[in-house]
Every structure is written in C-alpha cells, then in structure tokens.
C-alpha cells in the first residue's frame, strides 16, 4: 500500500510546488512549504486513499496552509 501511495503522490508534486511558488514567490521557501505539504498529504492518503474526488482540493488547502506563514517572512 505504501508504495502505491508514494507512486500516486508523485502526480501531486508539481501542482503542489506550483501553488507554493505562486504564493510565496521565493524558491527555497516554496520548496520547504511543498515538502511539508507532501508529507502531510501522504499522511492524509494513508487514511483516505480511496477518496480520490477530494485529493486535489485537500492538497490545495494543505499547500496554502503551509505557504501562508512563509509569505513575507
């Protein structure tokens, strides 16, 4: 199961980073926010893998959550 989730998670790396860099406009900070987001998203997928309809929405919310504190910091 974990390998399947890791493979699936790769589909979300670019969209996640795109959201973070768009909001933060600083590459090192955007990478940090994207990494935190993907870790949280992985944990979310462990319990919600079959709920595919909400995955993009949840990822976006998590990316925003991790990006906002890094804007102008």
PDB file of N, CA and C in Angstrom:
ATOM      1  N   UNK A   1       0.817  -1.201   0.000  1.00  0.00           N
ATOM      2  CA  UNK A   1       0.000   0.000   0.000  1.00  0.00           C
ATOM      3  C   UNK A   1       0.857   1.260   0.000  1.00  0.00           C
ATOM      4  N   UNK A   2       1.919   1.284   0.821  1.00  0.00           N
ATOM      5  CA  UNK A   2       2.754   2.475   0.902  1.00  0.00           C
ATOM      6  C   UNK A   2       3.413   2.803  -0.432  1.00  0.00           C
ATOM      7  N   UNK A   3       3.873   1.803  -1.153  1.00  0.00           N
ATOM      8  CA  UNK A   3       4.483   2.043  -2.458  1.00  0.00           C
ATOM      9  C   UNK A   3       3.475   2.596  -3.448  1.00  0.00           C
ATOM     10  N   UNK A   4       2.273   2.102  -3.371  1.00  0.00           N
ATOM     11  CA  UNK A   4       1.211   2.585  -4.255  1.00  0.00           C
ATOM     12  C   UNK A   4       0.905   4.052  -3.968  1.00  0.00           C
ATOM     13  N   UNK A   5       0.868   4.412  -2.699  1.00  0.00           N
ATOM     14  CA  UNK A   5       0.619   5.803  -2.315  1.00  0.00           C
ATOM     15  C   UNK A   5       1.778   6.688  -2.759  1.00  0.00           C
ATOM     16  N   UNK A   6       3.002   6.213  -2.582  1.00  0.00           N
ATOM     17  CA  UNK A   6       4.164   7.004  -2.993  1.00  0.00           C
ATOM     18  C   UNK A   6       4.148   7.262  -4.497  1.00  0.00           C
ATOM     19  N   UNK A   7       3.801   6.259  -5.280  1.00  0.00           N
ATOM     20  CA  UNK A   7       3.702   6.439  -6.726  1.00  0.00           C
ATOM     21  C   UNK A   7       2.591   7.433  -7.072  1.00  0.00           C
ATOM     22  N   UNK A   8       1.468   7.305  -6.410  1.00  0.00           N
ATOM     23  CA  UNK A   8       0.339   8.196  -6.642  1.00  0.00           C
ATOM     24  C   UNK A   8       0.703   9.627  -6.243  1.00  0.00           C
ATOM     25  N   UNK A   9       1.447   9.765  -5.165  1.00  0.00           N
ATOM     26  CA  UNK A   9       1.840  11.073  -4.647  1.00  0.00           C
ATOM     27  C   UNK A   9       2.682  11.850  -5.652  1.00  0.00           C
ATOM     28  N   UNK A  10       3.443  11.153  -6.461  1.00  0.00           N
ATOM     29  CA  UNK A  10       4.278  11.824  -7.471  1.00  0.00           C
ATOM     30  C   UNK A  10       3.444  12.679  -8.425  1.00  0.00           C
ATOM     31  N   UNK A  11       2.193  12.291  -8.644  1.00  0.00           N
ATOM     32  CA  UNK A  11       1.309  13.065  -9.518  1.00  0.00           C
ATOM     33  C   UNK A  11       0.996  14.448  -8.940  1.00  0.00           C
ATOM     34  N   UNK A  12       1.219  14.617  -7.663  1.00  0.00           N
ATOM     35  CA  UNK A  12       0.852  15.861  -6.992  1.00  0.00           C
ATOM     36  C   UNK A  12       2.051  16.753  -6.689  1.00  0.00           C
ATOM     37  N   UNK A  13       3.264  16.298  -6.980  1.00  0.00           N
ATOM     38  CA  UNK A  13       4.453  17.090  -6.662  1.00  0.00           C
ATOM     39  C   UNK A  13       4.472  18.424  -7.413  1.00  0.00           C
ATOM     40  N   UNK A  14       4.275  18.388  -8.707  1.00  0.00           N
ATOM     41  CA  UNK A  14       4.326  19.621  -9.498  1.00  0.00           C
ATOM     42  C   UNK A  14       3.181  20.571  -9.163  1.00  0.00           C
ATOM     43  N   UNK A  15       1.934  20.095  -9.089  1.00  0.00           N
ATOM     44  CA  UNK A  15       0.867  21.025  -8.704  1.00  0.00           C
ATOM     45  C   UNK A  15       1.091  21.640  -7.322  1.00  0.00           C
ATOM     46  N   UNK A  16       1.608  20.840  -6.403  1.00  0.00           N
ATOM     47  CA  UNK A  16       1.871  21.329  -5.054  1.00  0.00           C
ATOM     48  C   UNK A  16       2.913  22.445  -5.078  1.00  0.00           C
ATOM     49  N   UNK A  17       4.024  22.192  -5.751  1.00  0.00           N
ATOM     50  CA  UNK A  17       5.081  23.201  -5.833  1.00  0.00           C
ATOM     51  C   UNK A  17       4.567  24.451  -6.550  1.00  0.00           C
ATOM     52  N   UNK A  18       3.767  24.268  -7.579  1.00  0.00           N
ATOM     53  CA  UNK A  18       3.229  25.410  -8.330  1.00  0.00           C
ATOM     54  C   UNK A  18       2.404  26.329  -7.435  1.00  0.00           C
ATOM     55  N   UNK A  19       1.597  25.744  -6.591  1.00  0.00           N
ATOM     56  CA  UNK A  19       0.796  26.548  -5.654  1.00  0.00           C
ATOM     57  C   UNK A  19       1.709  27.294  -4.692  1.00  0.00           C
ATOM     58  N   UNK A  20       2.674  26.591  -4.137  1.00  0.00           N
ATOM     59  CA  UNK A  20       3.579  27.192  -3.149  1.00  0.00           C
ATOM     60  C   UNK A  20       4.401  28.315  -3.749  1.00  0.00           C
ATOM     61  N   UNK A  21       4.983  28.118  -4.924  1.00  0.00           N
ATOM     62  CA  UNK A  21       5.827  29.153  -5.530  1.00  0.00           C
ATOM     63  C   UNK A  21       4.979  30.344  -5.958  1.00  0.00           C
ATOM     64  N   UNK A  22       3.770  30.089  -6.400  1.00  0.00           N
ATOM     65  CA  UNK A  22       2.868  31.187  -6.786  1.00  0.00           C
ATOM     66  C   UNK A  22       2.558  32.083  -5.584  1.00  0.00           C
ATOM     67  N   UNK A  23       2.337  31.480  -4.441  1.00  0.00           N
ATOM     68  CA  UNK A  23       2.001  32.247  -3.251  1.00  0.00           C
ATOM     69  C   UNK A  23       3.217  32.899  -2.600  1.00  0.00           C
ATOM     70  N   UNK A  24       4.307  32.178  -2.512  1.00  0.00           N
ATOM     71  CA  UNK A  24       5.464  32.633  -1.741  1.00  0.00           C
ATOM     72  C   UNK A  24       6.426  33.475  -2.583  1.00  0.00           C
ATOM     73  N   UNK A  25       6.589  33.117  -3.838  1.00  0.00           N
ATOM     74  CA  UNK A  25       7.489  33.803  -4.764  1.00  0.00           C
ATOM     75  C   UNK A  25       8.949  33.807  -4.284  1.00  0.00           C
ATOM     76  N   UNK A  26       9.326  32.718  -3.640  1.00  0.00           N
ATOM     77  CA  UNK A  26      10.697  32.535  -3.165  1.00  0.00           C
ATOM     78  C   UNK A  26      10.967  31.037  -3.235  1.00  0.00           C
ATOM     79  N   UNK A  27      11.910  30.643  -4.102  1.00  0.00           N
ATOM     80  CA  UNK A  27      12.097  29.215  -4.368  1.00  0.00           C
ATOM     81  C   UNK A  27      12.452  28.377  -3.139  1.00  0.00           C
ATOM     82  N   UNK A  28      13.449  28.756  -2.333  1.00  0.00           N
ATOM     83  CA  UNK A  28      13.766  27.914  -1.170  1.00  0.00           C
ATOM     84  C   UNK A  28      12.589  27.757  -0.204  1.00  0.00           C
ATOM     85  N   UNK A  29      11.860  28.829   0.020  1.00  0.00           N
ATOM     86  CA  UNK A  29      10.705  28.760   0.918  1.00  0.00           C
ATOM     87  C   UNK A  29       9.581  27.933   0.295  1.00  0.00           C
ATOM     88  N   UNK A  30       9.405  28.055  -1.022  1.00  0.00           N
ATOM     89  CA  UNK A  30       8.371  27.280  -1.711  1.00  0.00           C
ATOM     90  C   UNK A  30       8.686  25.788  -1.656  1.00  0.00           C
ATOM     91  N   UNK A  31       9.952  25.440  -1.790  1.00  0.00           N
ATOM     92  CA  UNK A  31      10.355  24.035  -1.697  1.00  0.00           C
ATOM     93  C   UNK A  31      10.048  23.515  -0.295  1.00  0.00           C
ATOM     94  N   UNK A  32      10.371  24.317   0.716  1.00  0.00           N
ATOM     95  CA  UNK A  32      10.114  23.907   2.096  1.00  0.00           C
ATOM     96  C   UNK A  32       8.607  23.707   2.334  1.00  0.00           C
ATOM     97  N   UNK A  33       7.796  24.632   1.855  1.00  0.00           N
ATOM     98  CA  UNK A  33       6.343  24.513   2.015  1.00  0.00           C
ATOM     99  C   UNK A  33       5.805  23.304   1.263  1.00  0.00           C
ATOM    100  N   UNK A  34       6.321  23.067   0.058  1.00  0.00           N
ATOM    101  CA  UNK A  34       5.865  21.922  -0.740  1.00  0.00           C
ATOM    102  C   UNK A  34       6.235  20.608  -0.060  1.00  0.00           C
ATOM    103  N   UNK A  35       7.433  20.533   0.501  1.00  0.00           N
ATOM    104  CA  UNK A  35       7.842  19.306   1.199  1.00  0.00           C
ATOM    105  C   UNK A  35       6.934  19.032   2.397  1.00  0.00           C
ATOM    106  N   UNK A  36       6.657  20.060   3.181  1.00  0.00           N
ATOM    107  CA  UNK A  36       5.769  19.895   4.339  1.00  0.00           C
ATOM    108  C   UNK A  36       4.373  19.487   3.885  1.00  0.00           C
ATOM    109  N   UNK A  37       3.918  20.093   2.809  1.00  0.00           N
ATOM    110  CA  UNK A  37       2.595  19.771   2.273  1.00  0.00           C
ATOM    111  C   UNK A  37       2.528  18.316   1.834  1.00  0.00           C
ATOM    112  N   UNK A  38       3.520  17.869   1.098  1.00  0.00           N
ATOM    113  CA  UNK A  38       3.510  16.497   0.589  1.00  0.00           C
ATOM    114  C   UNK A  38       3.615  15.467   1.710  1.00  0.00           C
ATOM    115  N   UNK A  39       4.336  15.797   2.767  1.00  0.00           N
ATOM    116  CA  UNK A  39       4.397  14.893   3.923  1.00  0.00           C
ATOM    117  C   UNK A  39       3.018  14.789   4.573  1.00  0.00           C
ATOM    118  N   UNK A  40       2.367  15.923   4.781  1.00  0.00           N
ATOM    119  CA  UNK A  40       1.020  15.906   5.363  1.00  0.00           C
ATOM    120  C   UNK A  40       0.030  15.204   4.441  1.00  0.00           C
ATOM    121  N   UNK A  41       0.168  15.436   3.145  1.00  0.00           N
ATOM    122  CA  UNK A  41      -0.732  14.820   2.179  1.00  0.00           C
ATOM    123  C   UNK A  41      -0.547  13.311   2.161  1.00  0.00           C
ATOM    124  N   UNK A  42       0.696  12.855   2.279  1.00  0.00           N
ATOM    125  CA  UNK A  42       0.973  11.421   2.365  1.00  0.00           C
ATOM    126  C   UNK A  42       0.254  10.825   3.578  1.00  0.00           C
ATOM    127  N   UNK A  43       0.364  11.488   4.717  1.00  0.00           N
ATOM    128  CA  UNK A  43      -0.316  11.013   5.930  1.00  0.00           C
ATOM    129  C   UNK A  43      -1.832  10.984   5.721  1.00  0.00           C
ATOM    130  N   UNK A  44      -2.355  12.000   5.052  1.00  0.00           N
ATOM    131  CA  UNK A  44      -3.785  12.044   4.740  1.00  0.00           C
ATOM    132  C   UNK A  44      -4.175  10.854   3.852  1.00  0.00           C
ATOM    133  N   UNK A  45      -3.347  10.565   2.848  1.00  0.00           N
ATOM    134  CA  UNK A  45      -3.659   9.475   1.922  1.00  0.00           C
ATOM    135  C   UNK A  45      -3.657   8.109   2.597  1.00  0.00           C
ATOM    136  N   UNK A  46      -2.890   7.953   3.649  1.00  0.00           N
ATOM    137  CA  UNK A  46      -2.876   6.671   4.359  1.00  0.00           C
ATOM    138  C   UNK A  46      -4.271   6.285   4.839  1.00  0.00           C
ATOM    139  N   UNK A  47      -5.076   7.264   5.194  1.00  0.00           N
ATOM    140  CA  UNK A  47      -6.435   7.006   5.680  1.00  0.00           C
ATOM    141  C   UNK A  47      -7.521   7.307   4.659  1.00  0.00           C
ATOM    142  N   UNK A  48      -7.186   8.035   3.595  1.00  0.00           N
ATOM    143  CA  UNK A  48      -8.208   8.500   2.653  1.00  0.00           C
ATOM    144  C   UNK A  48      -7.844   8.218   1.199  1.00  0.00           C
ATOM    145  N   UNK A  49      -7.118   7.155   0.950  1.00  0.00           N
ATOM    146  CA  UNK A  49      -6.625   6.887  -0.397  1.00  0.00           C
ATOM    147  C   UNK A  49      -7.747   6.696  -1.412  1.00  0.00           C
ATOM    148  N   UNK A  50      -8.850   6.111  -1.004  1.00  0.00           N
ATOM    149  CA  UNK A  50      -9.931   5.815  -1.952  1.00  0.00           C
ATOM    150  C   UNK A  50     -10.826   7.014  -2.233  1.00  0.00           C
ATOM    151  N   UNK A  51     -10.662   8.089  -1.497  1.00  0.00           N
ATOM    152  CA  UNK A  51     -11.492   9.289  -1.670  1.00  0.00           C
ATOM    153  C   UNK A  51     -10.864  10.224  -2.706  1.00  0.00           C
ATOM    154  N   UNK A  52     -10.659   9.724  -3.923  1.00  0.00           N
ATOM    155  CA  UNK A  52      -9.930  10.459  -4.954  1.00  0.00           C
ATOM    156  C   UNK A  52     -10.576  11.771  -5.359  1.00  0.00           C
ATOM    157  N   UNK A  53     -11.880  11.891  -5.224  1.00  0.00           N
ATOM    158  CA  UNK A  53     -12.569  13.110  -5.634  1.00  0.00           C
ATOM    159  C   UNK A  53     -12.095  14.335  -4.853  1.00  0.00           C
ATOM    160  N   UNK A  54     -11.625  14.146  -3.645  1.00  0.00           N
ATOM    161  CA  UNK A  54     -11.212  15.265  -2.809  1.00  0.00           C
ATOM    162  C   UNK A  54      -9.705  15.487  -2.759  1.00  0.00           C
ATOM    163  N   UNK A  55      -8.914  14.658  -3.381  1.00  0.00           N
ATOM    164  CA  UNK A  55      -7.471  14.747  -3.239  1.00  0.00           C
ATOM    165  C   UNK A  55      -6.905  16.086  -3.695  1.00  0.00           C
ATOM    166  N   UNK A  56      -7.305  16.570  -4.852  1.00  0.00           N
ATOM    167  CA  UNK A  56      -6.772  17.844  -5.347  1.00  0.00           C
ATOM    168  C   UNK A  56      -7.168  18.994  -4.433  1.00  0.00           C
ATOM    169  N   UNK A  57      -8.388  18.976  -3.978  1.00  0.00           N
ATOM    170  CA  UNK A  57      -8.875  20.028  -3.084  1.00  0.00           C
ATOM    171  C   UNK A  57      -8.098  20.016  -1.762  1.00  0.00           C
ATOM    172  N   UNK A  58      -7.901  18.849  -1.209  1.00  0.00           N
ATOM    173  CA  UNK A  58      -7.174  18.721   0.061  1.00  0.00           C
ATOM    174  C   UNK A  58      -5.724  19.163  -0.112  1.00  0.00           C
ATOM    175  N   UNK A  59      -5.091  18.752  -1.202  1.00  0.00           N
ATOM    176  CA  UNK A  59      -3.713  19.160  -1.455  1.00  0.00           C
ATOM    177  C   UNK A  59      -3.613  20.679  -1.539  1.00  0.00           C
ATOM    178  N   UNK A  60      -4.519  21.301  -2.258  1.00  0.00           N
ATOM    179  CA  UNK A  60      -4.506  22.767  -2.396  1.00  0.00           C
ATOM    180  C   UNK A  60      -4.647  23.437  -1.032  1.00  0.00           C
ATOM    181  N   UNK A  61      -5.565  22.953  -0.224  1.00  0.00           N
ATOM    182  CA  UNK A  61      -5.753  23.524   1.114  1.00  0.00           C
ATOM    183  C   UNK A  61      -4.497  23.375   1.959  1.00  0.00           C
ATOM    184  N   UNK A  62      -3.862  22.211   1.882  1.00  0.00           N
ATOM    185  CA  UNK A  62      -2.636  21.979   2.651  1.00  0.00           C
ATOM    186  C   UNK A  62      -1.495  22.865   2.155  1.00  0.00           C
ATOM    187  N   UNK A  63      -1.376  23.015   0.846  1.00  0.00           N
ATOM    188  CA  UNK A  63      -0.316  23.853   0.277  1.00  0.00           C
ATOM    189  C   UNK A  63      -0.493  25.303   0.711  1.00  0.00           C
ATOM    190  N   UNK A  64      -1.708  25.779   0.705  1.00  0.00           N
ATOM    191  CA  UNK A  64      -1.977  27.145   1.149  1.00  0.00           C
ATOM    192  C   UNK A  64      -1.638  27.285   2.629  1.00  0.00           C
ATOM    193  N   UNK A  65      -2.043  26.315   3.426  1.00  0.00           N
ATOM    194  CA  UNK A  65      -1.775  26.338   4.868  1.00  0.00           C
ATOM    195  C   UNK A  65      -0.277  26.431   5.157  1.00  0.00           C
ATOM    196  N   UNK A  66       0.527  25.687   4.408  1.00  0.00           N
ATOM    197  CA  UNK A  66       1.968  25.691   4.650  1.00  0.00           C
ATOM    198  C   UNK A  66       2.667  26.892   3.998  1.00  0.00           C
ATOM    199  N   UNK A  67       2.044  27.492   2.996  1.00  0.00           N
ATOM    200  CA  UNK A  67       2.654  28.630   2.307  1.00  0.00           C
ATOM    201  C   UNK A  67       2.417  29.956   3.019  1.00  0.00           C
ATOM    202  N   UNK A  68       1.223  30.145   3.529  1.00  0.00           N
ATOM    203  CA  UNK A  68       0.873  31.444   4.103  1.00  0.00           C
ATOM    204  C   UNK A  68       1.852  31.937   5.178  1.00  0.00           C
ATOM    205  N   UNK A  69       2.297  31.094   6.107  1.00  0.00           N
ATOM    206  CA  UNK A  69       3.239  31.604   7.109  1.00  0.00           C
ATOM    207  C   UNK A  69       4.595  32.025   6.525  1.00  0.00           C
ATOM    208  N   UNK A  70       4.909  31.563   5.321  1.00  0.00           N
ATOM    209  CA  UNK A  70       6.216  31.865   4.730  1.00  0.00           C
ATOM    210  C   UNK A  70       6.195  33.070   3.796  1.00  0.00           C
ATOM    211  N   UNK A  71       5.021  33.611   3.538  1.00  0.00           N
ATOM    212  CA  UNK A  71       4.921  34.804   2.708  1.00  0.00           C
ATOM    213  C   UNK A  71       5.458  35.979   3.511  1.00  0.00           C
ATOM    214  N   UNK A  72       6.374  36.714   2.896  1.00  0.00           N
ATOM    215  CA  UNK A  72       6.986  37.900   3.534  1.00  0.00           C
ATOM    216  C   UNK A  72       7.700  37.597   4.838  1.00  0.00           C
ATOM    217  N   UNK A  73       8.156  36.381   5.019  1.00  0.00           N
ATOM    218  CA  UNK A  73       8.895  36.090   6.263  1.00  0.00           C
ATOM    219  C   UNK A  73      10.387  36.018   5.994  1.00  0.00           C
TER     220      UNK A  73
END
